[in-house]
Amino acid sequence: MKEERTNEKSIHKGPTRLIAGLTTGLISTILFNPIDKALYLFSAKNASLLSLETWKRPYQGVHHAIINRTVSYGLYYSLLDYYGDLFKRRIGTTVVSSSVNNDLFGKIMPGIATGMTTAILTNPINLIKHYGWNSGLPVVPIIQTVKVQEGLIKGLTRGLGMTISRDILFTVPYNVGYQYAKSKIKDPSMLIATNVAISCGCTVICSPLNYVRSMKYAATCYKQNPKAYQIVKDLVNAVNELEGVSKKIRYISRSFCLGPGTLRVGLGISLGQYLYERVLRLISTKLN
């Protein structure tokens, strides 16, 4: 009887994780799409966050974002969960020098696997979403335009390498930090606050890669495909033209969306993690 219950839990675990992730993505999209759109225009087009124009049509492109966020969150948290269990089971057969290294290995590898998987699967959706924010076009015309400009495969994989690098660079320290905090902090509100800080720190670390990716996406509307080094070179030149350290710092912070963008990601990831675990627990309770 005990074995049957264990098998039944295993059967439900995969779909339960995915449903919890998809639900989290849908709720997060509805909450954060106006902020995401404004921050993208702030970073890619130097729009002012205090301008009403930046906040007009807050749900423009939301149908792209719903697909993107629902799928990406549905994958992100459920894959992080899945890979975490997978590598924990594999640790027993892995030659690692100490239990500390075993524990670290069990946190780093899920971060790498999750970052790579989600980047590959969601990059086309991200590109379409950003194009929609710039142009206001629906999905089919965007795909047709990209196909004419670059070819379908090449067009939809624009920025993929940068997305993979960014997602791995974010997810590895995030998973290590969050799992450690979760093992030490029992108060839910304190854990959420700590996770916001962890997420913000990881966002700062990978913000240069996110800037390059956003610029590559934005260039799609202008039938351009700048190389990463050219984007970085243009940024360095623009910074060097400014006089004064404070102006240079403000320009870099604005370009990398540090400040409002950092806080948004921190809140989004932390809230998403909390929602995912609550929904997962709720669904699991109902199934059991």
Protein backbone atom coordinates (compact mmCIF):
# COMPACT_ATOMS: atom_id res chain seq x y z
CA MET A 1 0.00 0.00 0.00
CA LYS A 2 2.84 2.37 0.91
CA GLU A 3 4.56 1.64 -2.41
CA GLU A 4 1.33 2.39 -4.32
CA ARG A 5 1.01 5.76 -2.60
CA THR A 6 4.64 6.60 -3.44
CA ASN A 7 4.09 5.72 -7.11
CA GLU A 8 0.89 7.79 -7.22
CA LYS A 9 2.75 10.82 -5.81
CA SER A 10 5.48 10.37 -8.43
CA ILE A 11 2.88 10.28 -11.22
CA HIS A 12 1.26 13.51 -10.03
CA LYS A 13 4.50 15.36 -9.23
CA GLY A 14 5.40 16.44 -12.79
CA PRO A 15 1.95 17.76 -13.84
CA THR A 16 1.46 19.33 -10.41
CA ARG A 17 4.70 21.28 -10.71
CA LEU A 18 3.80 22.46 -14.21
CA ILE A 19 0.29 23.55 -13.22
CA ALA A 20 1.68 25.44 -10.21
CA GLY A 21 4.24 27.14 -12.44
CA LEU A 22 1.70 28.09 -15.12
CA THR A 23 -0.65 29.53 -12.50
CA THR A 24 2.22 31.54 -11.02
CA GLY A 25 3.15 32.86 -14.47
CA LEU A 26 -0.40 33.97 -15.25
CA ILE A 27 -0.82 35.87 -11.97
CA SER A 28 2.63 37.47 -12.26
CA THR A 29 1.98 38.63 -15.83
CA ILE A 30 -1.25 40.39 -14.90
CA LEU A 31 0.47 42.13 -11.98
CA PHE A 32 3.73 43.15 -13.64
CA ASN A 33 3.10 43.70 -17.39
CA PRO A 34 2.61 47.52 -17.10
CA ILE A 35 5.88 47.79 -15.14
CA ASP A 36 7.75 45.46 -17.50
CA LYS A 37 6.68 47.44 -20.56
CA ALA A 38 7.63 50.78 -18.96
CA LEU A 39 11.04 49.45 -17.84
CA TYR A 40 11.75 48.05 -21.29
CA LEU A 41 11.00 51.45 -22.91
CA PHE A 42 13.09 53.10 -20.17
CA SER A 43 16.10 50.88 -20.97
CA ALA A 44 15.88 50.42 -24.75
CA LYS A 45 14.39 53.79 -25.80
CA ASN A 46 15.47 56.10 -22.95
CA ALA A 47 11.84 56.83 -22.10
CA SER A 48 11.19 58.60 -18.81
CA LEU A 49 9.47 56.57 -16.09
CA LEU A 50 7.79 59.81 -14.99
CA SER A 51 6.24 60.44 -18.42
CA LEU A 52 2.59 59.51 -18.90
CA GLU A 53 3.47 58.45 -22.44
CA THR A 54 5.60 55.63 -21.06
CA TRP A 55 2.63 54.26 -19.11
CA LYS A 56 0.06 54.58 -21.90
CA ARG A 57 -1.52 51.32 -23.07
CA PRO A 58 -0.05 49.40 -20.09
CA TYR A 59 -1.34 46.10 -21.42
CA GLN A 60 -0.11 46.58 -24.99
CA GLY A 61 1.53 43.30 -25.97
CA VAL A 62 0.09 41.58 -22.90
CA HIS A 63 -1.05 38.62 -25.02
CA HIS A 64 2.62 38.05 -25.90
CA ALA A 65 3.61 38.56 -22.27
CA ILE A 66 0.92 36.18 -20.98
CA ILE A 67 2.26 33.43 -23.21
CA ASN A 68 5.85 34.30 -22.34
CA ARG A 69 5.47 34.72 -18.58
CA THR A 70 3.09 31.82 -18.16
CA VAL A 71 5.36 29.50 -20.11
CA SER A 72 8.63 30.84 -18.67
CA TYR A 73 7.41 30.79 -15.05
CA GLY A 74 5.68 27.47 -15.67
CA LEU A 75 9.01 26.12 -16.81
CA TYR A 76 11.34 28.06 -14.52
CA TYR A 77 10.06 27.11 -11.09
CA SER A 78 8.92 23.62 -12.06
CA LEU A 79 12.24 22.86 -13.80
CA LEU A 80 14.25 24.25 -10.90
CA ASP A 81 12.21 21.97 -8.66
CA TYR A 82 12.54 19.00 -11.02
CA TYR A 83 16.28 19.40 -11.64
CA GLY A 84 16.80 19.90 -7.91
CA ASP A 85 15.27 16.48 -7.21
CA LEU A 86 17.07 14.92 -10.17
CA PHE A 87 20.54 16.04 -9.11
CA LYS A 88 19.88 15.16 -5.48
CA ARG A 89 19.21 11.59 -6.61
CA ARG A 90 22.33 11.64 -8.81
CA ILE A 91 24.61 12.91 -6.06
CA GLY A 92 24.82 9.45 -4.53
CA THR A 93 26.52 8.14 -7.67
CA THR A 94 28.76 11.21 -8.16
CA VAL A 95 32.35 11.25 -6.95
CA VAL A 96 32.55 14.43 -4.90
CA SER A 97 35.13 15.07 -2.20
CA SER A 98 32.87 16.12 0.68
CA SER A 99 29.27 16.49 1.81
CA VAL A 100 29.63 20.28 1.50
CA ASN A 101 30.62 19.90 -2.17
CA ASN A 102 27.78 17.44 -2.63
CA ASP A 103 25.30 19.99 -1.31
CA LEU A 104 26.77 22.79 -3.47
CA PHE A 105 26.77 20.53 -6.54
CA GLY A 106 23.08 19.78 -5.89
CA LYS A 107 22.30 23.51 -6.03
CA ILE A 108 24.62 24.64 -8.87
CA MET A 109 23.70 21.98 -11.42
CA PRO A 110 19.92 22.59 -11.24
CA GLY A 111 20.64 26.30 -11.80
CA ILE A 112 22.71 25.60 -14.92
CA ALA A 113 20.20 23.10 -16.33
CA THR A 114 17.20 25.34 -15.60
CA GLY A 115 18.82 28.46 -17.04
CA MET A 116 19.82 26.69 -20.24
CA THR A 117 16.48 24.93 -20.75
CA THR A 118 14.28 27.97 -20.12
CA ALA A 119 16.47 30.21 -22.30
CA ILE A 120 16.26 27.86 -25.29
CA LEU A 121 12.51 27.34 -24.98
CA THR A 122 11.46 30.93 -24.26
CA ASN A 123 13.86 33.05 -26.37
CA PRO A 124 11.52 33.16 -29.43
CA ILE A 125 8.58 34.18 -27.22
CA ASN A 126 10.70 36.89 -25.56
CA LEU A 127 11.75 38.30 -28.91
CA ILE A 128 8.13 38.41 -30.15
CA LYS A 129 7.03 40.07 -26.89
CA HIS A 130 9.67 42.82 -27.15
CA TYR A 131 8.86 43.37 -30.82
CA GLY A 132 5.20 43.71 -29.84
CA TRP A 133 6.06 46.33 -27.23
CA ASN A 134 7.92 48.35 -29.87
CA SER A 135 5.52 47.97 -32.78
CA GLY A 136 2.12 47.07 -31.32
CA LEU A 137 1.81 44.32 -33.96
CA PRO A 138 0.11 40.99 -33.22
CA VAL A 139 1.98 37.69 -33.27
CA VAL A 140 1.50 36.55 -36.87
CA PRO A 141 2.68 39.81 -38.55
CA ILE A 142 5.69 39.86 -36.21
CA ILE A 143 6.68 36.33 -37.21
CA GLN A 144 6.18 37.18 -40.90
CA THR A 145 8.33 40.31 -40.55
CA VAL A 146 11.12 38.43 -38.75
CA LYS A 147 11.01 35.70 -41.38
CA VAL A 148 11.39 38.22 -44.22
CA GLN A 149 14.20 40.11 -42.46
CA GLU A 150 16.42 37.25 -41.32
CA GLY A 151 14.77 33.93 -41.96
CA LEU A 152 12.54 32.28 -39.38
CA ILE A 153 15.08 30.19 -37.46
CA LYS A 154 17.83 32.82 -37.43
CA GLY A 155 15.36 35.56 -36.54
CA LEU A 156 13.72 33.75 -33.63
CA THR A 157 17.06 32.67 -32.18
CA ARG A 158 18.39 36.25 -32.13
CA GLY A 159 19.95 36.91 -28.73
CA LEU A 160 19.80 33.22 -27.74
CA GLY A 161 23.45 32.97 -26.65
CA MET A 162 23.09 36.05 -24.49
CA THR A 163 19.83 34.73 -23.03
CA ILE A 164 21.43 31.39 -22.10
CA SER A 165 24.39 33.15 -20.48
CA ARG A 166 22.13 35.57 -18.61
CA ASP A 167 19.74 32.91 -17.34
CA ILE A 168 22.53 30.65 -16.09
CA LEU A 169 24.36 33.58 -14.48
CA PHE A 170 21.15 34.53 -12.68
CA THR A 171 19.80 31.11 -11.74
CA VAL A 172 22.93 29.51 -10.28
CA PRO A 173 23.58 32.09 -7.51
CA TYR A 174 19.82 32.53 -7.03
CA ASN A 175 19.22 28.84 -6.39
CA VAL A 176 22.25 28.52 -4.12
CA GLY A 177 21.22 31.61 -2.13
CA TYR A 178 17.52 30.80 -1.91
CA GLN A 179 17.98 27.16 -0.91
CA TYR A 180 20.43 28.20 1.80
CA ALA A 181 18.07 30.91 3.09
CA LYS A 182 15.15 28.49 3.02
CA SER A 183 17.07 26.01 5.18
CA LYS A 184 17.90 28.69 7.77
CA ILE A 185 14.87 31.03 7.86
CA LYS A 186 11.55 29.72 9.13
CA ASP A 187 9.51 32.94 9.13
CA PRO A 188 7.74 33.24 5.72
CA SER A 189 7.77 37.04 5.57
CA MET A 190 11.48 37.15 6.42
CA LEU A 191 12.19 34.52 3.79
CA ILE A 192 10.34 36.56 1.15
CA ALA A 193 12.29 39.70 2.10
CA THR A 194 15.58 37.77 2.00
CA ASN A 195 14.66 36.31 -1.37
CA VAL A 196 13.98 39.79 -2.74
CA ALA A 197 17.53 40.78 -1.71
CA ILE A 198 19.00 37.61 -3.26
CA SER A 199 17.09 38.17 -6.50
CA CYS A 200 18.14 41.82 -6.67
CA GLY A 201 21.78 40.85 -6.22
CA CYS A 202 21.57 38.25 -8.99
CA THR A 203 19.86 40.81 -11.24
CA VAL A 204 22.75 43.26 -10.78
CA ILE A 205 25.25 40.53 -11.64
CA CYS A 206 23.60 39.66 -14.95
CA SER A 207 22.34 43.16 -15.87
CA PRO A 208 25.07 43.79 -18.52
CA LEU A 209 24.00 40.62 -20.38
CA ASN A 210 20.36 41.63 -20.08
CA TYR A 211 21.17 45.05 -21.56
CA VAL A 212 22.90 43.52 -24.58
CA ARG A 213 20.00 41.14 -25.15
CA SER A 214 17.43 43.95 -24.91
CA MET A 215 19.36 46.02 -27.45
CA LYS A 216 19.53 43.06 -29.85
CA TYR A 217 15.78 42.59 -29.50
CA ALA A 218 15.10 46.32 -29.98
CA ALA A 219 17.22 46.40 -33.16
CA THR A 220 14.86 43.88 -34.79
CA CYS A 221 12.35 46.66 -35.46
CA TYR A 222 15.02 48.60 -37.37
CA LYS A 223 16.14 45.62 -39.47
CA GLN A 224 19.48 45.58 -37.68
CA ASN A 225 21.34 42.83 -35.86
CA PRO A 226 24.28 44.35 -33.99
CA LYS A 227 26.95 42.08 -32.52
CA ALA A 228 27.32 41.98 -28.74
CA TYR A 229 30.75 43.61 -28.86
CA GLN A 230 29.34 46.48 -30.95
CA ILE A 231 26.57 47.09 -28.42
CA VAL A 232 29.12 47.14 -25.59
CA LYS A 233 31.43 49.39 -27.63
CA ASP A 234 28.60 51.86 -28.31
CA LEU A 235 27.75 51.90 -24.61
CA VAL A 236 31.37 52.53 -23.60
CA ASN A 237 31.66 55.34 -26.17
CA ALA A 238 28.43 56.93 -24.94
CA VAL A 239 29.66 56.79 -21.34
CA ASN A 240 33.07 58.25 -22.26
CA GLU A 241 31.41 61.22 -23.94
CA LEU A 242 29.78 62.23 -20.65
CA GLU A 243 31.52 64.57 -18.25
CA GLY A 244 31.62 63.76 -14.57
CA VAL A 245 31.54 60.46 -12.70
CA SER A 246 27.96 60.96 -11.49
CA LYS A 247 26.64 61.35 -15.04
CA LYS A 248 28.50 58.24 -16.15
CA ILE A 249 27.10 56.22 -13.25
CA ARG A 250 23.56 57.44 -13.90
CA TYR A 251 23.84 56.55 -17.59
CA ILE A 252 25.11 53.03 -16.85
CA SER A 253 22.45 52.52 -14.15
CA ARG A 254 19.74 53.63 -16.55
CA SER A 255 21.02 51.44 -19.37
CA PHE A 256 21.23 48.38 -17.12
CA CYS A 257 17.85 49.20 -15.54
CA LEU A 258 19.45 49.23 -12.10
CA GLY A 259 17.19 50.63 -9.43
CA PRO A 260 13.55 50.27 -10.53
CA GLY A 261 14.32 47.34 -12.83
CA THR A 262 16.37 45.57 -10.17
CA LEU A 263 13.63 45.93 -7.58
CA ARG A 264 11.00 44.77 -10.06
CA VAL A 265 12.89 41.54 -10.79
CA GLY A 266 13.56 40.99 -7.09
CA LEU A 267 9.88 41.37 -6.23
CA GLY A 268 8.76 39.34 -9.23
CA ILE A 269 11.05 36.38 -8.60
CA SER A 270 10.40 36.37 -4.85
CA LEU A 271 6.63 36.65 -5.26
CA GLY A 272 6.73 34.02 -8.01
CA GLN A 273 8.68 31.61 -5.81
CA TYR A 274 6.23 32.13 -2.94
CA LEU A 275 3.18 31.69 -5.19
CA TYR A 276 4.65 28.60 -6.84
CA GLU A 277 5.30 26.87 -3.53
CA ARG A 278 1.86 27.81 -2.15
CA VAL A 279 -0.01 26.68 -5.28
CA LEU A 280 2.08 23.50 -5.44
CA ARG A 281 1.28 22.71 -1.81
CA LEU A 282 -2.43 23.45 -2.38
CA ILE A 283 -2.69 21.21 -5.45
CA SER A 284 -0.67 18.43 -3.80
CA THR A 285 -2.97 18.56 -0.76
CA LYS A 286 -6.07 18.26 -2.97
CA LEU A 287 -4.59 15.33 -4.91
CA ASN A 288 -3.60 13.51 -1.76
